[in-house]
Amino acid sequence: MAQAQRFSTQARRARAVARLGARAGGVGDVVERLVAVHATDPATVYLAVAARLADPDTAVAAVERELYAQPAALTRMLAMRRTMFVVRRAFAPEVYAAAGRRIAVKERKNLLAHLAEGGGWDAAWLDEVEAEVTAALVAHPESSGAELSRLVPRLREQIVVARGKPYEATQNVASRIIRTMAAEGRIERRRPAGSWTSGQFRWAKAEPLPEVPAEPARAALAKTWLGAYGPGTEADLKWWTGWTLGETRKALGAVGAQAVVLDDGATAYVLPGDAYPSEAPAGPPTVQLLPALDPAAMGWQDRAWFLPDSRDGLFDRTGNIGPTVWWDGEVIGAWAQRADGSVAWHRLADRGTAACAAVDEAAHALAALLGDVRVTPRFRTPLERALSA
């Protein structure tokens, strides 16, 4: 048996720069290269794209056009690890079949249990309410959640949560019902109220996604992930997708993934014919200020190969990564926007005066790009809080 090709950390970093950080001419190119952009925090989508566009000044208008023009080229969906992503609409059927459909089934099961326990309502009641929501969106396209609650009075029904517990609370059923319908692809998010940093989306009836069998869809998603993030381990892909180990191995086998050996001795995988890396950078060192939850920082479960030894305060308590400063394929610091609009950064790894000067310049450029907009990550980390103060 032939010995697996070794894939060094330096080669992984060079590949990350070339594949995940290179400038692109259009929003669709950026999203395709990243496979899926984290969208739990709306600002992440715009900032992740802006960091990779040849003309970052066009990012906000371009992303909005791709997301909200009809027909839209991009769509938001609940998928891998029950996380919100923006993906290419053409690839959405595979993403849904590979990772979203299972999430949607679980969301409906949990919603029915929630309604039965807290309000005594059953599946028939839920079917009626959802039919009313669909009819309301046909008559009133692009309605906010508040507008839907006025149009469909039963969305204002209240339910008791954690009954009998010290933290017992009462909440409307609207958000859970709307979320479940969106997870199933029956309704979709449209342009939010307010600025591009807002999460107060309007809703519209969605066209059904084409049916795709789960196994071919998982193979397609594994192939695109390997093309963007390979080499990656079984554990990396399993974590990123939320699949079982068996599903992960089957998907890797379906695409003929080729094994390589990393510097720490672990076995990782790349696409067939992609196992011969170059450690030489494609150009001079590059600097990037990437937003919280950027795909480049969330593509793998094991991130030690690009994170600094000192990373205190870079993550929140649940493992969400904050805004990061990248230099030539590795994280060397964190950044945050202050109330006056300036962008401050903190160095976690020393890569010399040239790197510091480049980061200072990039921070100034980002502040100018943001202008009057103030961006506060939804999941705040200790370093981001300290820098923004």
Protein backbone atom coordinates (compact mmCIF):
# COMPACT_ATOMS: atom_id res chain seq x y z
CA MET A 1 0.00 0.00 0.00
CA ALA A 2 1.38 3.42 -1.00
CA GLN A 3 2.32 5.74 1.85
CA ALA A 4 -0.02 8.71 2.30
CA GLN A 5 1.29 12.10 1.21
CA ARG A 6 2.33 14.44 4.06
CA PHE A 7 0.51 17.75 4.21
CA SER A 8 2.32 20.33 6.35
CA THR A 9 0.77 23.08 8.46
CA GLN A 10 2.45 25.68 6.26
CA ALA A 11 0.85 24.12 3.20
CA ARG A 12 -2.57 24.16 4.88
CA ARG A 13 -2.15 27.85 5.66
CA ALA A 14 -1.07 28.64 2.11
CA ARG A 15 -4.11 26.77 0.80
CA ALA A 16 -6.43 28.61 3.19
CA VAL A 17 -5.15 31.92 1.85
CA ALA A 18 -5.58 30.81 -1.75
CA ARG A 19 -9.01 29.24 -1.38
CA LEU A 20 -10.74 31.00 1.50
CA GLY A 21 -9.12 34.40 1.41
CA ALA A 22 -8.44 35.32 -2.21
CA ARG A 23 -10.29 38.27 -3.68
CA ALA A 24 -13.24 37.55 -5.97
CA GLY A 25 -15.19 39.61 -8.45
CA GLY A 26 -18.69 38.75 -7.30
CA VAL A 27 -20.72 37.74 -4.25
CA GLY A 28 -21.70 34.41 -5.77
CA ASP A 29 -18.05 33.55 -6.30
CA VAL A 30 -17.30 34.27 -2.64
CA VAL A 31 -20.19 32.17 -1.31
CA GLU A 32 -19.42 29.30 -3.68
CA ARG A 33 -15.80 29.30 -2.54
CA LEU A 34 -16.82 29.24 1.14
CA VAL A 35 -19.64 26.68 0.52
CA ALA A 36 -21.84 28.32 3.21
CA VAL A 37 -21.54 31.58 5.15
CA HIS A 38 -22.61 31.69 8.79
CA ALA A 39 -25.68 33.90 9.04
CA THR A 40 -26.84 33.66 12.66
CA ASP A 41 -25.37 37.15 12.96
CA PRO A 42 -26.60 39.06 9.88
CA ALA A 43 -23.51 41.29 9.82
CA THR A 44 -21.23 38.27 9.37
CA VAL A 45 -22.55 37.65 5.86
CA TYR A 46 -21.78 41.16 4.64
CA LEU A 47 -18.41 41.45 6.38
CA ALA A 48 -17.27 37.98 5.27
CA VAL A 49 -18.10 38.87 1.66
CA ALA A 50 -16.58 42.36 1.88
CA ALA A 51 -13.29 40.90 3.13
CA ARG A 52 -13.05 38.85 -0.06
CA LEU A 53 -14.46 41.09 -2.79
CA ALA A 54 -12.13 42.85 -5.19
CA ASP A 55 -14.22 45.98 -4.48
CA PRO A 56 -15.36 45.74 -0.84
CA ASP A 57 -17.24 49.05 -1.08
CA THR A 58 -19.87 47.27 -3.18
CA ALA A 59 -20.44 44.43 -0.69
CA VAL A 60 -23.61 45.65 1.05
CA ALA A 61 -25.48 46.50 -2.15
CA ALA A 62 -24.23 43.36 -3.88
CA VAL A 63 -25.17 40.99 -1.06
CA GLU A 64 -28.63 42.55 -0.74
CA ARG A 65 -29.17 42.21 -4.47
CA GLU A 66 -28.11 38.55 -4.45
CA LEU A 67 -30.26 37.76 -1.40
CA TYR A 68 -33.41 39.73 -2.08
CA ALA A 69 -33.77 40.33 -5.83
CA GLN A 70 -36.25 38.00 -7.49
CA PRO A 71 -35.17 35.46 -8.45
CA ALA A 72 -32.50 35.55 -5.73
CA ALA A 73 -29.13 33.88 -6.23
CA LEU A 74 -28.60 33.28 -2.50
CA THR A 75 -30.84 32.07 0.30
CA ARG A 76 -30.77 31.76 4.08
CA MET A 77 -31.47 28.35 5.57
CA LEU A 78 -31.17 26.40 8.79
CA ALA A 79 -28.76 23.58 8.07
CA MET A 80 -25.49 22.19 9.42
CA ARG A 81 -25.46 21.86 13.23
CA ARG A 82 -28.84 23.67 13.43
CA THR A 83 -27.07 26.86 12.38
CA MET A 84 -28.28 29.57 10.00
CA PHE A 85 -26.30 29.82 6.76
CA VAL A 86 -26.38 31.70 3.48
CA VAL A 87 -25.84 29.37 0.52
CA ARG A 88 -26.23 29.57 -3.23
CA ARG A 89 -29.87 28.93 -4.07
CA ALA A 90 -28.78 26.47 -6.76
CA PHE A 91 -27.04 24.39 -4.10
CA ALA A 92 -29.80 24.71 -1.48
CA PRO A 93 -31.57 21.42 -2.40
CA GLU A 94 -28.39 19.43 -1.69
CA VAL A 95 -27.69 21.33 1.54
CA TYR A 96 -31.26 20.78 2.72
CA ALA A 97 -31.25 17.07 1.89
CA ALA A 98 -27.79 16.54 3.39
CA ALA A 99 -28.22 18.52 6.61
CA GLY A 100 -31.35 20.68 6.72
CA ARG A 101 -34.13 18.12 6.37
CA ARG A 102 -33.16 16.29 9.56
CA ILE A 103 -33.06 19.60 11.43
CA ALA A 104 -36.52 20.50 10.12
CA VAL A 105 -37.98 17.16 11.26
CA LYS A 106 -36.56 17.70 14.73
CA GLU A 107 -37.83 21.29 14.84
CA ARG A 108 -41.39 20.11 14.07
CA LYS A 109 -41.23 17.33 16.64
CA ASN A 110 -40.03 19.74 19.32
CA LEU A 111 -42.64 22.34 18.33
CA LEU A 112 -45.50 19.84 18.65
CA ALA A 113 -44.26 18.75 22.07
CA HIS A 114 -43.91 22.41 23.06
CA LEU A 115 -47.47 23.23 21.95
CA ALA A 116 -48.98 20.17 23.62
CA GLU A 117 -47.24 20.73 26.94
CA GLY A 118 -47.66 24.47 27.16
CA GLY A 119 -51.03 25.05 25.53
CA GLY A 120 -52.77 21.75 24.86
CA TRP A 121 -52.68 22.19 21.06
CA ASP A 122 -52.17 19.30 18.65
CA ALA A 123 -50.91 18.74 15.11
CA ALA A 124 -54.33 19.55 13.59
CA TRP A 125 -54.32 22.95 15.32
CA LEU A 126 -50.80 23.62 14.07
CA ASP A 127 -51.76 22.64 10.51
CA GLU A 128 -54.60 25.17 10.58
CA VAL A 129 -52.36 27.97 11.87
CA GLU A 130 -49.67 27.24 9.28
CA ALA A 131 -52.28 27.29 6.50
CA GLU A 132 -53.40 30.70 7.75
CA VAL A 133 -49.78 31.93 7.74
CA THR A 134 -49.31 30.75 4.15
CA ALA A 135 -52.56 32.42 3.06
CA ALA A 136 -51.54 35.64 4.80
CA LEU A 137 -48.20 35.69 2.97
CA VAL A 138 -49.92 35.09 -0.37
CA ALA A 139 -52.15 38.09 0.29
CA HIS A 140 -49.47 40.20 1.99
CA PRO A 141 -46.01 39.26 0.66
CA GLU A 142 -42.95 40.20 2.70
CA SER A 143 -44.65 40.66 6.07
CA SER A 144 -42.74 41.02 9.33
CA GLY A 145 -43.34 38.70 12.25
CA ALA A 146 -45.39 41.40 13.98
CA GLU A 147 -47.49 41.91 10.85
CA LEU A 148 -48.09 38.17 10.55
CA SER A 149 -49.26 38.07 14.15
CA ARG A 150 -51.84 40.74 13.34
CA LEU A 151 -52.93 38.89 10.20
CA VAL A 152 -53.07 35.50 11.94
CA PRO A 153 -54.49 36.08 15.45
CA ARG A 154 -53.68 32.57 16.65
CA LEU A 155 -49.97 33.41 16.34
CA ARG A 156 -50.56 35.65 19.37
CA GLU A 157 -51.56 32.70 21.53
CA GLN A 158 -49.31 32.38 24.54
CA ILE A 159 -47.64 29.34 25.96
CA VAL A 160 -46.08 28.58 29.33
CA VAL A 161 -42.44 27.58 29.23
CA ALA A 162 -40.73 25.67 32.07
CA ARG A 163 -43.96 25.46 34.04
CA GLY A 164 -43.37 25.21 37.78
CA LYS A 165 -39.68 26.16 37.49
CA PRO A 166 -38.18 29.29 39.05
CA TYR A 167 -37.60 30.59 35.51
CA GLU A 168 -41.16 29.86 34.27
CA ALA A 169 -42.14 32.26 31.50
CA THR A 170 -44.92 32.98 29.02
CA GLN A 171 -44.21 33.57 25.35
CA ASN A 172 -46.09 33.84 22.06
CA VAL A 173 -46.14 30.81 19.78
CA ALA A 174 -45.39 32.93 16.71
CA SER A 175 -41.61 32.73 16.67
CA ARG A 176 -41.51 28.93 17.06
CA ILE A 177 -44.12 28.34 14.35
CA ILE A 178 -42.50 30.75 11.90
CA ARG A 179 -39.06 29.25 12.61
CA THR A 180 -40.29 25.72 11.92
CA MET A 181 -42.00 26.70 8.68
CA ALA A 182 -38.77 28.39 7.58
CA ALA A 183 -36.68 25.34 8.53
CA GLU A 184 -38.91 23.26 6.25
CA GLY A 185 -38.45 25.71 3.39
CA ARG A 186 -42.12 26.69 3.28
CA ILE A 187 -41.43 30.36 3.99
CA GLU A 188 -38.22 32.36 3.62
CA ARG A 189 -36.55 35.44 5.02
CA ARG A 190 -36.58 38.59 2.96
CA ARG A 191 -35.09 42.06 3.42
CA PRO A 192 -35.04 43.04 7.12
CA ALA A 193 -36.43 46.17 8.66
CA GLY A 194 -33.62 48.63 9.32
CA SER A 195 -30.03 48.32 8.17
CA TRP A 196 -28.05 45.32 6.91
CA THR A 197 -27.06 44.51 10.51
CA SER A 198 -30.70 43.90 11.50
CA GLY A 199 -32.15 40.46 12.19
CA GLN A 200 -35.80 41.61 12.03
CA PHE A 201 -36.59 39.89 8.75
CA ARG A 202 -39.72 40.09 6.67
CA TRP A 203 -41.23 36.81 5.51
CA ALA A 204 -42.51 35.49 2.20
CA LYS A 205 -43.93 32.25 0.88
CA ALA A 206 -41.13 30.09 -0.54
CA GLU A 207 -41.08 27.91 -3.61
CA PRO A 208 -40.60 24.23 -2.66
CA LEU A 209 -37.05 22.93 -3.06
CA PRO A 210 -36.51 20.07 -5.50
CA GLU A 211 -36.33 16.69 -3.79
CA VAL A 212 -32.82 15.25 -3.56
CA PRO A 213 -31.97 11.85 -1.96
CA ALA A 214 -29.95 12.17 1.23
CA GLU A 215 -26.90 10.05 0.34
CA PRO A 216 -26.05 11.76 -2.97
CA ALA A 217 -26.66 15.10 -1.27
CA ARG A 218 -24.21 14.25 1.53
CA ALA A 219 -21.64 13.22 -1.07
CA ALA A 220 -22.13 16.54 -2.91
CA LEU A 221 -21.74 18.53 0.31
CA ALA A 222 -18.64 16.54 1.30
CA LYS A 223 -17.11 17.19 -2.12
CA THR A 224 -17.65 20.94 -1.92
CA TRP A 225 -16.34 21.03 1.66
CA LEU A 226 -13.18 19.14 0.70
CA GLY A 227 -12.68 21.48 -2.23
CA ALA A 228 -12.81 24.49 0.09
CA TYR A 229 -11.46 23.21 3.41
CA GLY A 230 -9.45 20.09 2.59
CA PRO A 231 -7.36 18.66 4.04
CA GLY A 232 -9.74 17.94 6.87
CA THR A 233 -10.21 15.00 9.17
CA GLU A 234 -13.25 12.79 9.61
CA ALA A 235 -13.86 14.61 12.89
CA ASP A 236 -13.71 17.98 11.12
CA LEU A 237 -16.30 17.02 8.51
CA LYS A 238 -18.51 15.25 11.05
CA TRP A 239 -18.52 18.36 13.25
CA TRP A 240 -19.03 20.83 10.39
CA THR A 241 -22.01 18.94 8.95
CA GLY A 242 -23.53 17.51 12.11
CA TRP A 243 -23.57 14.02 10.56
CA THR A 244 -22.97 10.72 12.29
CA LEU A 245 -19.54 9.12 11.92
CA GLY A 246 -21.01 6.47 9.63
CA GLU A 247 -22.59 9.08 7.36
CA THR A 248 -19.33 11.02 7.28
CA ARG A 249 -17.26 8.00 6.27
CA LYS A 250 -19.78 6.97 3.63
CA ALA A 251 -19.77 10.46 2.09
CA LEU A 252 -15.96 10.57 2.03
CA GLY A 253 -15.93 7.17 0.37
CA ALA A 254 -18.52 8.24 -2.20
CA VAL A 255 -16.31 11.07 -3.45
CA GLY A 256 -13.14 8.94 -3.39
CA ALA A 257 -11.48 11.17 -0.81
CA GLN A 258 -7.72 10.72 -0.69
CA ALA A 259 -5.91 10.33 2.66
CA VAL A 260 -3.01 12.58 3.64
CA VAL A 261 -0.96 12.83 6.83
CA LEU A 262 -0.84 16.09 8.80
CA ASP A 263 2.10 17.39 10.82
CA ASP A 264 0.61 16.02 14.04
CA GLY A 265 0.32 12.54 12.51
CA ALA A 266 -3.45 12.69 12.06
CA THR A 267 -5.08 11.34 8.90
CA ALA A 268 -6.96 13.92 6.87
CA TYR A 269 -8.65 13.89 3.47
CA VAL A 270 -8.59 15.85 0.23
CA LEU A 271 -10.29 15.46 -3.12
CA PRO A 272 -8.77 12.90 -5.49
CA GLY A 273 -5.62 14.32 -7.06
CA ASP A 274 -5.43 17.19 -4.58
CA ALA A 275 -2.83 15.65 -2.25
CA TYR A 276 0.31 17.38 -3.49
CA PRO A 277 0.47 20.74 -1.78
CA SER A 278 2.79 23.65 -2.28
CA GLU A 279 4.15 25.36 0.80
CA ALA A 280 5.16 28.40 -1.23
CA PRO A 281 2.72 31.30 -0.89
CA ALA A 282 0.99 32.47 -4.04
CA GLY A 283 2.11 36.05 -3.36
CA PRO A 284 3.27 38.37 -0.59
CA PRO A 285 1.81 37.89 2.92
CA THR A 286 -1.81 39.01 3.20
CA VAL A 287 -3.79 40.49 6.08
CA GLN A 288 -7.52 40.10 6.69
CA LEU A 289 -9.87 41.31 9.38
CA LEU A 290 -12.61 38.69 9.39
CA PRO A 291 -15.91 38.93 11.30
CA ALA A 292 -17.15 36.79 14.16
CA LEU A 293 -18.09 33.27 12.99
CA ASP A 294 -16.36 33.75 9.64
CA PRO A 295 -16.23 30.51 7.61
CA ALA A 296 -12.42 30.58 7.55
CA ALA A 297 -12.42 30.23 11.34
CA MET A 298 -15.36 27.79 11.47
CA GLY A 299 -14.44 25.31 8.76
CA TRP A 300 -12.84 22.72 11.02
CA GLN A 301 -13.34 21.28 14.49
CA ASP A 302 -9.58 21.21 15.16
CA ARG A 303 -8.24 24.71 14.52
CA ALA A 304 -4.90 24.51 16.34
CA TRP A 305 -3.01 24.71 13.03
CA PHE A 306 -4.06 28.32 12.41
CA LEU A 307 -4.76 29.64 15.93
CA PRO A 308 -2.12 31.30 18.14
CA ASP A 309 -0.78 29.59 21.24
CA SER A 310 -2.29 32.41 23.31
CA ARG A 311 -5.98 32.63 22.45
CA ASP A 312 -7.53 33.79 25.73
CA GLY A 313 -10.70 35.77 25.11
CA LEU A 314 -10.97 34.84 21.42
CA PHE A 315 -14.01 32.59 22.00
CA ASP A 316 -17.18 32.98 24.07
CA ARG A 317 -18.26 30.38 26.62
CA THR A 318 -20.05 28.23 24.06
CA GLY A 319 -17.20 28.14 21.54
CA ASN A 320 -18.23 30.95 19.18
CA ILE A 321 -15.19 32.73 17.76
CA GLY A 322 -15.11 36.50 17.68
CA PRO A 323 -13.66 38.86 15.05
CA THR A 324 -10.17 37.72 14.04
CA VAL A 325 -7.03 39.22 12.53
CA TRP A 326 -5.34 36.95 9.98
CA TRP A 327 -1.81 37.18 8.62
CA ASP A 328 -0.77 34.82 5.86
CA GLY A 329 -3.18 32.05 6.78
CA GLU A 330 -3.03 32.17 10.58
CA VAL A 331 -4.84 34.11 13.29
CA ILE A 332 -2.54 36.60 14.98
CA GLY A 333 -5.06 38.76 16.82
CA ALA A 334 -8.59 40.01 17.41
CA TRP A 335 -10.39 43.22 16.46
CA ALA A 336 -13.47 45.20 17.41
CA GLN A 337 -15.23 48.40 16.38
CA ARG A 338 -15.44 51.16 18.98
CA ALA A 339 -18.31 53.57 19.56
CA ASP A 340 -16.52 56.30 17.60
CA GLY A 341 -16.31 54.00 14.57
CA SER A 342 -12.60 53.26 14.82
CA VAL A 343 -11.37 49.67 14.61
CA ALA A 344 -9.00 48.53 17.37
CA TRP A 345 -7.04 45.30 17.40
CA HIS A 346 -5.09 43.21 19.88
CA ARG A 347 -2.02 41.17 18.94
CA LEU A 348 -1.96 37.53 20.04
CA ALA A 349 1.07 36.44 18.01
CA ASP A 350 4.05 38.56 16.96
CA ARG A 351 4.82 38.33 13.24
CA GLY A 352 6.99 41.41 12.99
CA THR A 353 6.63 45.08 12.22
CA ALA A 354 5.47 44.54 8.64
CA ALA A 355 2.51 42.49 9.86
CA CYS A 356 1.58 45.10 12.48
CA ALA A 357 1.76 47.90 9.94
CA ALA A 358 -0.41 45.93 7.51
CA VAL A 359 -3.02 45.24 10.20
CA ASP A 360 -3.10 48.91 11.21
CA GLU A 361 -3.74 49.85 7.58
CA ALA A 362 -6.44 47.20 7.23
CA ALA A 363 -8.14 48.37 10.45
CA HIS A 364 -8.23 51.93 9.14
CA ALA A 365 -9.69 50.73 5.83
CA LEU A 366 -12.37 48.67 7.59
CA ALA A 367 -13.38 51.65 9.74
CA ALA A 368 -13.74 53.74 6.58
CA LEU A 369 -15.78 50.98 4.92
CA LEU A 370 -18.18 50.76 7.88
CA GLY A 371 -18.60 54.51 8.09
CA ASP A 372 -21.57 55.38 10.32
CA VAL A 373 -22.57 51.74 10.80
CA ARG A 374 -21.76 50.18 14.18
CA VAL A 375 -21.30 46.42 14.28
CA THR A 376 -21.69 44.52 17.55
CA PRO A 377 -21.36 40.73 17.19
CA ARG A 378 -24.36 38.76 18.38
CA PHE A 379 -22.06 36.44 20.34
CA ARG A 380 -19.64 38.70 22.14
CA THR A 381 -16.25 37.44 23.28
CA PRO A 382 -14.09 38.79 26.12
CA LEU A 383 -11.52 40.24 23.73
CA GLU A 384 -14.14 41.92 21.54
CA ARG A 385 -15.81 43.47 24.59
CA ALA A 386 -12.51 44.75 25.94
CA LEU A 387 -11.39 46.19 22.60
CA SER A 388 -14.70 47.92 21.90
CA ALA A 389 -14.78 49.65 25.28
